[in-house]
Structure formats: structure tokens, C-alpha cells
C-alpha atoms as a PDB file:
ATOM      1  CA  MET A   1      30.608  -9.475   2.273  1.00  0.00           C
ATOM      2  CA  PHE A   2      27.101  -8.136   1.584  1.00  0.00           C
ATOM      3  CA  SER A   3      24.933  -9.810  -0.969  1.00  0.00           C
ATOM      4  CA  LEU A   4      22.150  -7.531  -2.565  1.00  0.00           C
ATOM      5  CA  LEU A   5      19.705 -10.159  -0.514  1.00  0.00           C
ATOM      6  CA  ASN A   6      21.294  -8.802   2.697  1.00  0.00           C
ATOM      7  CA  THR A   7      21.350  -4.883   1.771  1.00  0.00           C
ATOM      8  CA  PHE A   8      17.584  -5.358   0.891  1.00  0.00           C
ATOM      9  CA  ARG A   9      16.747  -7.445   4.084  1.00  0.00           C
ATOM     10  CA  ILE A  10      18.419  -4.364   6.030  1.00  0.00           C
ATOM     11  CA  VAL A  11      16.747  -1.222   4.133  1.00  0.00           C
ATOM     12  CA  ALA A  12      13.767  -3.275   4.487  1.00  0.00           C
ATOM     13  CA  LEU A  13      14.366  -3.459   8.326  1.00  0.00           C
ATOM     14  CA  LEU A  14      15.208   0.314   8.453  1.00  0.00           C
ATOM     15  CA  GLU A  15      12.535   1.743   5.819  1.00  0.00           C
ATOM     16  CA  GLY A  16       9.680  -0.271   8.391  1.00  0.00           C
ATOM     17  CA  VAL A  17      11.205   0.962  11.474  1.00  0.00           C
ATOM     18  CA  SER A  18      11.436   4.665  10.024  1.00  0.00           C
ATOM     19  CA  TYR A  19       8.151   4.227   8.635  1.00  0.00           C
ATOM     20  CA  ILE A  20       6.497   3.360  11.976  1.00  0.00           C
ATOM     21  CA  LEU A  21       8.239   5.961  13.891  1.00  0.00           C
ATOM     22  CA  LEU A  22       7.265   8.500  11.186  1.00  0.00           C
ATOM     23  CA  LEU A  23       3.340   7.463  11.403  1.00  0.00           C
ATOM     24  CA  PHE A  24       3.007   6.552  15.043  1.00  0.00           C
ATOM     25  CA  ILE A  25       5.739   9.056  16.955  1.00  0.00           C
ATOM     26  CA  ALA A  26       6.408  11.942  15.007  1.00  0.00           C
ATOM     27  CA  THR A  27       2.983  12.748  13.290  1.00  0.00           C
ATOM     28  CA  PRO A  28       0.946  12.349  16.147  1.00  0.00           C
ATOM     29  CA  ILE A  29       3.962  15.033  18.234  1.00  0.00           C
ATOM     30  CA  LYS A  30       3.439  16.836  15.111  1.00  0.00           C
ATOM     31  CA  TYR A  31      -0.338  17.375  15.563  1.00  0.00           C
ATOM     32  CA  LEU A  32      -1.093  17.096  19.808  1.00  0.00           C
ATOM     33  CA  ALA A  33       1.831  18.896  20.674  1.00  0.00           C
ATOM     34  CA  ASN A  34       2.575  21.331  17.755  1.00  0.00           C
ATOM     35  CA  ASP A  35       6.211  20.487  17.229  1.00  0.00           C
ATOM     36  CA  PRO A  36       7.049  19.208  13.741  1.00  0.00           C
ATOM     37  CA  SER A  37      10.922  18.986  14.117  1.00  0.00           C
ATOM     38  CA  TYR A  38      10.389  15.090  14.580  1.00  0.00           C
ATOM     39  CA  VAL A  39       8.386  14.772  11.004  1.00  0.00           C
ATOM     40  CA  LYS A  40      11.440  16.959   9.578  1.00  0.00           C
ATOM     41  CA  MET A  41      14.279  15.007  11.283  1.00  0.00           C
ATOM     42  CA  LEU A  42      12.648  11.698  10.365  1.00  0.00           C
ATOM     43  CA  GLY A  43      11.106  12.772   6.976  1.00  0.00           C
ATOM     44  CA  MET A  44      14.557  12.703   4.802  1.00  0.00           C
ATOM     45  CA  PRO A  45      15.727   9.643   6.182  1.00  0.00           C
ATOM     46  CA  HIS A  46      12.347   7.925   5.580  1.00  0.00           C
ATOM     47  CA  GLY A  47      12.037   9.383   2.003  1.00  0.00           C
ATOM     48  CA  ILE A  48      15.516   7.789   1.192  1.00  0.00           C
ATOM     49  CA  LEU A  49      15.062   4.306   2.715  1.00  0.00           C
ATOM     50  CA  PHE A  50      11.859   4.112   1.047  1.00  0.00           C
ATOM     51  CA  LEU A  51      13.424   5.139  -2.483  1.00  0.00           C
ATOM     52  CA  ALA A  52      16.157   2.428  -1.706  1.00  0.00           C
ATOM     53  CA  TYR A  53      13.501  -0.118  -0.703  1.00  0.00           C
ATOM     54  CA  ILE A  54      11.583   0.264  -4.172  1.00  0.00           C
ATOM     55  CA  VAL A  55      15.019   0.058  -6.375  1.00  0.00           C
ATOM     56  CA  LEU A  56      16.717  -2.702  -4.419  1.00  0.00           C
ATOM     57  CA  ALA A  57      12.616  -4.720  -4.518  1.00  0.00           C
ATOM     58  CA  ILE A  58      13.234  -4.207  -8.337  1.00  0.00           C
ATOM     59  CA  MET A  59      16.695  -5.193  -8.557  1.00  0.00           C
ATOM     60  CA  ILE A  60      16.155  -8.572  -6.200  1.00  0.00           C
ATOM     61  CA  GLY A  61      13.027  -9.411  -8.086  1.00  0.00           C
ATOM     62  CA  GLN A  62      15.152 -10.006 -10.668  1.00  0.00           C
ATOM     63  CA  GLU A  63      17.550 -11.677  -9.583  1.00  0.00           C
ATOM     64  CA  LEU A  64      14.757 -14.146  -7.630  1.00  0.00           C
ATOM     65  CA  LYS A  65      12.541 -14.351 -10.990  1.00  0.00           C
ATOM     66  CA  TRP A  66      10.007 -12.859  -8.841  1.00  0.00           C
ATOM     67  CA  ASP A  67       6.791 -13.116 -11.061  1.00  0.00           C
ATOM     68  CA  ARG A  68       4.708  -9.718 -11.482  1.00  0.00           C
ATOM     69  CA  ARG A  69       2.195 -10.526  -8.474  1.00  0.00           C
ATOM     70  CA  THR A  70       4.967 -10.701  -5.957  1.00  0.00           C
ATOM     71  CA  LEU A  71       6.939  -7.957  -7.016  1.00  0.00           C
ATOM     72  CA  ILE A  72       3.474  -5.643  -6.004  1.00  0.00           C
ATOM     73  CA  ILE A  73       2.934  -7.356  -3.014  1.00  0.00           C
ATOM     74  CA  VAL A  74       6.553  -6.763  -2.252  1.00  0.00           C
ATOM     75  CA  LEU A  75       6.120  -3.188  -3.694  1.00  0.00           C
ATOM     76  CA  VAL A  76       3.134  -2.761  -1.919  1.00  0.00           C
ATOM     77  CA  ALA A  77       4.002  -3.763   1.704  1.00  0.00           C
ATOM     78  CA  SER A  78       6.235  -0.650   1.240  1.00  0.00           C
ATOM     79  CA  ILE A  79       3.511   1.891   2.105  1.00  0.00           C
ATOM     80  CA  ILE A  80       1.455  -0.474   4.419  1.00  0.00           C
ATOM     81  CA  PRO A  81       2.786  -0.331   8.314  1.00  0.00           C
ATOM     82  CA  PHE A  82       4.594  -3.270   9.439  1.00  0.00           C
ATOM     83  CA  GLY A  83       4.744  -4.197   5.490  1.00  0.00           C
ATOM     84  CA  THR A  84       8.292  -4.579   5.288  1.00  0.00           C
ATOM     85  CA  PHE A  85       8.261  -7.208   8.332  1.00  0.00           C
ATOM     86  CA  TYR A  86       6.020  -9.427   6.509  1.00  0.00           C
ATOM     87  CA  ILE A  87       7.818  -9.242   2.960  1.00  0.00           C
ATOM     88  CA  GLU A  88      11.154  -9.865   5.459  1.00  0.00           C
ATOM     89  CA  LYS A  89       9.163 -12.914   6.847  1.00  0.00           C
ATOM     90  CA  LYS A  90       7.215 -14.272   3.886  1.00  0.00           C
ATOM     91  CA  TYR A  91       9.994 -13.678   0.877  1.00  0.00           C
ATOM     92  CA  LEU A  92      13.227 -13.091   2.197  1.00  0.00           C
ATOM     93  CA  LYS A  93      13.472 -15.512   4.622  1.00  0.00           C
ATOM     94  CA  PRO A  94      12.745 -18.678   2.206  1.00  0.00           C
ATOM     95  CA  ALA A  95      15.129 -17.080  -0.211  1.00  0.00           C
ATOM     96  CA  LYS A  96      18.053 -17.184   2.468  1.00  0.00           C
END
């Protein structure tokens, strides 16, 4: 059914979307409208997706035999807005 690579691709997409929503929608609403409910609503799912991304990146890195530099780039991309989308295009599409 789902390979590890496909699972990682889905988690990377969801993690990237949740990060963008958290940074560019929920956080401004929290500080500009004094309404922290969106941060509370998005924070936990994003945290779980972030941890899943890290674990799966390490697992997929071993499976695809990424060198240390590539693995570090993939891991750092998870903390940069839109970084996971770059990883999808640069490192995961060719692995398909």
C-alpha cells in the first residue's frame, strides 16, 4: 500500500501546511486580535507532524542512503517556512 517514501511525502506536506498556517495565520491572530485559540488548535497537530517528519526523515535517509549533508538539509528544512515543499521537489521527486 503505502511505502515509507509516500508516508514521508504526506507527512512533509501536512507539516509544511500546518507550519504555514501556524506562522502566518494563527500567530498574527493571536497577537493582533488577542485570540490564542487558533494557536492552541494548530499547535499540537503541528508538533506531532514535526516529530513524525524528523523521525521519518531519518528513516528515509537510511533507506535512500542520503549522505550527512543531505540529511541535515532535509532536517533543517522543517524549521524554514516552505522548506518541506523544497525538499519534496529537490529530494523526494527524484527518488520516486
